[in-house]
């Protein structure tokens, strides 16, 4: 009889070891499940980061496009200002040429008046000579 309790105790120990192995497998499954859950969360976080990077790249592209447009408008305005200044300088040169032509005409009129006065004096002198002789 004493042998039976020994076998019984042995079976109980075996069942206890089996329960312990089962608990260990259950802990491993839980750990695996937690690990998989964490991996899934990490994949989701990475997808989120990727979407954020993509969104930031799009925003940066838009900002660069805006800056390009601004620079282009600035260049156009600058070019237009330069053209306007050049047109104004050309108008000023034309006004100066016109003033110069007017000075020349005035000078020519002065010379013409001077010649007329000279001619008139000469005639007057000739008349005086004629009448005095």
C-alpha atoms as a PDB file:
ATOM      1  CA  UNK A   1       0.000   0.000   0.000  1.00  0.00           C
ATOM      2  CA  UNK A   2       2.652   2.466   0.769  1.00  0.00           C
ATOM      3  CA  UNK A   3       3.616   2.180  -2.848  1.00  0.00           C
ATOM      4  CA  UNK A   4       0.286   3.541  -4.031  1.00  0.00           C
ATOM      5  CA  UNK A   5       0.555   6.842  -2.223  1.00  0.00           C
ATOM      6  CA  UNK A   6       3.999   7.167  -3.697  1.00  0.00           C
ATOM      7  CA  UNK A   7       2.613   6.700  -7.197  1.00  0.00           C
ATOM      8  CA  UNK A   8      -0.232   9.000  -6.382  1.00  0.00           C
ATOM      9  CA  UNK A   9       2.162  11.655  -5.126  1.00  0.00           C
ATOM     10  CA  UNK A  10       4.254  11.128  -8.220  1.00  0.00           C
ATOM     11  CA  UNK A  11       1.200  11.615 -10.464  1.00  0.00           C
ATOM     12  CA  UNK A  12       0.208  14.710  -8.517  1.00  0.00           C
ATOM     13  CA  UNK A  13       3.691  16.133  -8.915  1.00  0.00           C
ATOM     14  CA  UNK A  14       3.545  15.322 -12.606  1.00  0.00           C
ATOM     15  CA  UNK A  15       0.142  16.991 -12.891  1.00  0.00           C
ATOM     16  CA  UNK A  16       1.536  19.993 -11.007  1.00  0.00           C
ATOM     17  CA  UNK A  17       4.529  20.169 -13.364  1.00  0.00           C
ATOM     18  CA  UNK A  18       2.117  19.928 -16.285  1.00  0.00           C
ATOM     19  CA  UNK A  19      -0.014  22.750 -14.849  1.00  0.00           C
ATOM     20  CA  UNK A  20       3.158  24.796 -14.354  1.00  0.00           C
ATOM     21  CA  UNK A  21       4.215  24.137 -17.958  1.00  0.00           C
ATOM     22  CA  UNK A  22       0.729  25.142 -19.068  1.00  0.00           C
ATOM     23  CA  UNK A  23       0.916  28.362 -17.016  1.00  0.00           C
ATOM     24  CA  UNK A  24       4.333  29.020 -18.553  1.00  0.00           C
ATOM     25  CA  UNK A  25       2.940  28.483 -22.076  1.00  0.00           C
ATOM     26  CA  UNK A  26       0.055  30.805 -21.212  1.00  0.00           C
ATOM     27  CA  UNK A  27       2.502  33.486 -20.008  1.00  0.00           C
ATOM     28  CA  UNK A  28       4.478  33.061 -23.236  1.00  0.00           C
ATOM     29  CA  UNK A  29       1.291  33.397 -25.276  1.00  0.00           C
ATOM     30  CA  UNK A  30       0.368  36.533 -23.336  1.00  0.00           C
ATOM     31  CA  UNK A  31       3.871  37.890 -23.779  1.00  0.00           C
ATOM     32  CA  UNK A  32       3.714  37.043 -27.477  1.00  0.00           C
ATOM     33  CA  UNK A  33       0.312  38.708 -27.735  1.00  0.00           C
ATOM     34  CA  UNK A  34       1.602  41.764 -25.903  1.00  0.00           C
ATOM     35  CA  UNK A  35       4.679  41.805 -28.118  1.00  0.00           C
ATOM     36  CA  UNK A  36       2.525  41.547 -31.239  1.00  0.00           C
ATOM     37  CA  UNK A  37       0.250  44.264 -29.923  1.00  0.00           C
ATOM     38  CA  UNK A  38       3.276  46.451 -29.260  1.00  0.00           C
ATOM     39  CA  UNK A  39       4.615  45.734 -32.749  1.00  0.00           C
ATOM     40  CA  UNK A  40       1.242  46.693 -34.202  1.00  0.00           C
ATOM     41  CA  UNK A  41       1.261  49.911 -32.183  1.00  0.00           C
ATOM     42  CA  UNK A  42       4.787  50.638 -33.378  1.00  0.00           C
ATOM     43  CA  UNK A  43       3.732  50.039 -36.990  1.00  0.00           C
ATOM     44  CA  UNK A  44       0.841  52.456 -36.467  1.00  0.00           C
ATOM     45  CA  UNK A  45       3.158  55.021 -34.901  1.00  0.00           C
ATOM     46  CA  UNK A  46       5.553  54.634 -37.830  1.00  0.00           C
ATOM     47  CA  UNK A  47       2.666  55.094 -40.278  1.00  0.00           C
ATOM     48  CA  UNK A  48       1.681  58.220 -38.370  1.00  0.00           C
ATOM     49  CA  UNK A  49       5.245  59.528 -38.486  1.00  0.00           C
ATOM     50  CA  UNK A  50       5.389  58.758 -42.203  1.00  0.00           C
ATOM     51  CA  UNK A  51       2.136  60.646 -42.791  1.00  0.00           C
ATOM     52  CA  UNK A  52       3.480  63.556 -40.772  1.00  0.00           C
ATOM     53  CA  UNK A  53       6.724  63.587 -42.774  1.00  0.00           C
ATOM     54  CA  UNK A  54       4.753  63.477 -45.998  1.00  0.00           C
ATOM     55  CA  UNK A  55       2.491  66.272 -44.815  1.00  0.00           C
ATOM     56  CA  UNK A  56       5.533  68.324 -43.826  1.00  0.00           C
ATOM     57  CA  UNK A  57       7.160  67.693 -47.234  1.00  0.00           C
ATOM     58  CA  UNK A  58       3.972  68.846 -48.936  1.00  0.00           C
ATOM     59  CA  UNK A  59       3.851  71.950 -46.770  1.00  0.00           C
ATOM     60  CA  UNK A  60       7.512  72.667 -47.463  1.00  0.00           C
ATOM     61  CA  UNK A  61       6.873  72.221 -51.175  1.00  0.00           C
ATOM     62  CA  UNK A  62       3.975  74.665 -50.945  1.00  0.00           C
ATOM     63  CA  UNK A  63       6.106  77.139 -49.003  1.00  0.00           C
ATOM     64  CA  UNK A  64       8.889  76.831 -51.573  1.00  0.00           C
ATOM     65  CA  UNK A  65       6.382  77.325 -54.370  1.00  0.00           C
ATOM     66  CA  UNK A  66       5.055  80.407 -52.575  1.00  0.00           C
ATOM     67  CA  UNK A  67       8.585  81.735 -52.104  1.00  0.00           C
ATOM     68  CA  UNK A  68       9.335  81.099 -55.783  1.00  0.00           C
ATOM     69  CA  UNK A  69       6.180  82.965 -56.765  1.00  0.00           C
ATOM     70  CA  UNK A  70       7.077  85.826 -54.440  1.00  0.00           C
ATOM     71  CA  UNK A  71      10.600  86.031 -55.864  1.00  0.00           C
ATOM     72  CA  UNK A  72       9.199  85.973 -59.390  1.00  0.00           C
ATOM     73  CA  UNK A  73       6.753  88.782 -58.600  1.00  0.00           C
ATOM     74  CA  UNK A  74       9.542  90.711 -56.941  1.00  0.00           C
ATOM     75  CA  UNK A  75      11.755  90.291 -60.021  1.00  0.00           C
ATOM     76  CA  UNK A  76       8.886  91.398 -62.248  1.00  0.00           C
ATOM     77  CA  UNK A  77       8.265  94.465 -60.105  1.00  0.00           C
ATOM     78  CA  UNK A  78      11.990  95.230 -60.089  1.00  0.00           C
ATOM     79  CA  UNK A  79      12.177  94.805 -63.846  1.00  0.00           C
ATOM     80  CA  UNK A  80       9.164  97.076 -64.296  1.00  0.00           C
ATOM     81  CA  UNK A  81      10.699  99.707 -62.005  1.00  0.00           C
ATOM     82  CA  UNK A  82      13.942  99.543 -63.984  1.00  0.00           C
ATOM     83  CA  UNK A  83      12.045  99.899 -67.249  1.00  0.00           C
ATOM     84  CA  UNK A  84      10.108 102.837 -65.859  1.00  0.00           C
ATOM     85  CA  UNK A  85      13.322 104.492 -64.681  1.00  0.00           C
ATOM     86  CA  UNK A  86      14.840 103.925 -68.111  1.00  0.00           C
ATOM     87  CA  UNK A  87      11.749 105.422 -69.775  1.00  0.00           C
ATOM     88  CA  UNK A  88      11.986 108.389 -67.430  1.00  0.00           C
ATOM     89  CA  UNK A  89      15.695 108.828 -68.213  1.00  0.00           C
ATOM     90  CA  UNK A  90      14.868 108.665 -71.914  1.00  0.00           C
ATOM     91  CA  UNK A  91      12.138 111.288 -71.486  1.00  0.00           C
ATOM     92  CA  UNK A  92      14.596 113.450 -69.585  1.00  0.00           C
ATOM     93  CA  UNK A  93      17.206 113.032 -72.339  1.00  0.00           C
ATOM     94  CA  UNK A  94      14.566 113.974 -74.893  1.00  0.00           C
ATOM     95  CA  UNK A  95      13.613 117.048 -72.883  1.00  0.00           C
ATOM     96  CA  UNK A  96      17.289 117.973 -72.663  1.00  0.00           C
ATOM     97  CA  UNK A  97      17.712 117.517 -76.421  1.00  0.00           C
ATOM     98  CA  UNK A  98      14.657 119.703 -76.951  1.00  0.00           C
ATOM     99  CA  UNK A  99      16.059 122.373 -74.636  1.00  0.00           C
ATOM    100  CA  UNK A 100      19.340 122.189 -76.533  1.00  0.00           C
ATOM    101  CA  UNK A 101      17.540 122.576 -79.853  1.00  0.00           C
ATOM    102  CA  UNK A 102      15.630 125.503 -78.416  1.00  0.00           C
ATOM    103  CA  UNK A 103      18.879 127.129 -77.218  1.00  0.00           C
ATOM    104  CA  UNK A 104      20.344 126.672 -80.685  1.00  0.00           C
ATOM    105  CA  UNK A 105      17.253 128.173 -82.295  1.00  0.00           C
ATOM    106  CA  UNK A 106      17.382 131.070 -79.867  1.00  0.00           C
ATOM    107  CA  UNK A 107      21.055 131.523 -80.568  1.00  0.00           C
ATOM    108  CA  UNK A 108      20.347 131.469 -84.281  1.00  0.00           C
ATOM    109  CA  UNK A 109      17.571 134.034 -83.830  1.00  0.00           C
ATOM    110  CA  UNK A 110      19.966 136.190 -81.805  1.00  0.00           C
ATOM    111  CA  UNK A 111      22.567 135.970 -84.564  1.00  0.00           C
ATOM    112  CA  UNK A 112      19.915 136.766 -87.124  1.00  0.00           C
ATOM    113  CA  UNK A 113      18.801 139.816 -85.151  1.00  0.00           C
ATOM    114  CA  UNK A 114      22.424 140.799 -84.758  1.00  0.00           C
ATOM    115  CA  UNK A 115      22.975 140.490 -88.515  1.00  0.00           C
ATOM    116  CA  UNK A 116      19.867 142.559 -89.126  1.00  0.00           C
ATOM    117  CA  UNK A 117      21.069 145.207 -86.720  1.00  0.00           C
ATOM    118  CA  UNK A 118      24.464 145.166 -88.404  1.00  0.00           C
ATOM    119  CA  UNK A 119      22.873 145.393 -91.792  1.00  0.00           C
ATOM    120  CA  UNK A 120      20.644 148.197 -90.579  1.00  0.00           C
ATOM    121  CA  UNK A 121      23.613 150.077 -89.114  1.00  0.00           C
ATOM    122  CA  UNK A 122      25.539 149.597 -92.300  1.00  0.00           C
ATOM    123  CA  UNK A 123      22.637 150.992 -94.314  1.00  0.00           C
ATOM    124  CA  UNK A 124      22.296 153.814 -91.878  1.00  0.00           C
ATOM    125  CA  UNK A 125      25.990 154.562 -92.240  1.00  0.00           C
ATOM    126  CA  UNK A 126      25.707 154.375 -96.018  1.00  0.00           C
ATOM    127  CA  UNK A 127      22.757 156.752 -95.933  1.00  0.00           C
ATOM    128  CA  UNK A 128      24.618 159.157 -93.758  1.00  0.00           C
ATOM    129  CA  UNK A 129      27.568 159.006 -96.100  1.00  0.00           C
ATOM    130  CA  UNK A 130      25.305 159.459 -99.054  1.00  0.00           C
ATOM    131  CA  UNK A 131      23.545 162.445 -97.486  1.00  0.00           C
ATOM    132  CA  UNK A 132      26.617 163.996 -96.199  1.00  0.00           C
ATOM    133  CA  UNK A 133      28.406 164.011 -99.510  1.00  0.00           C
END
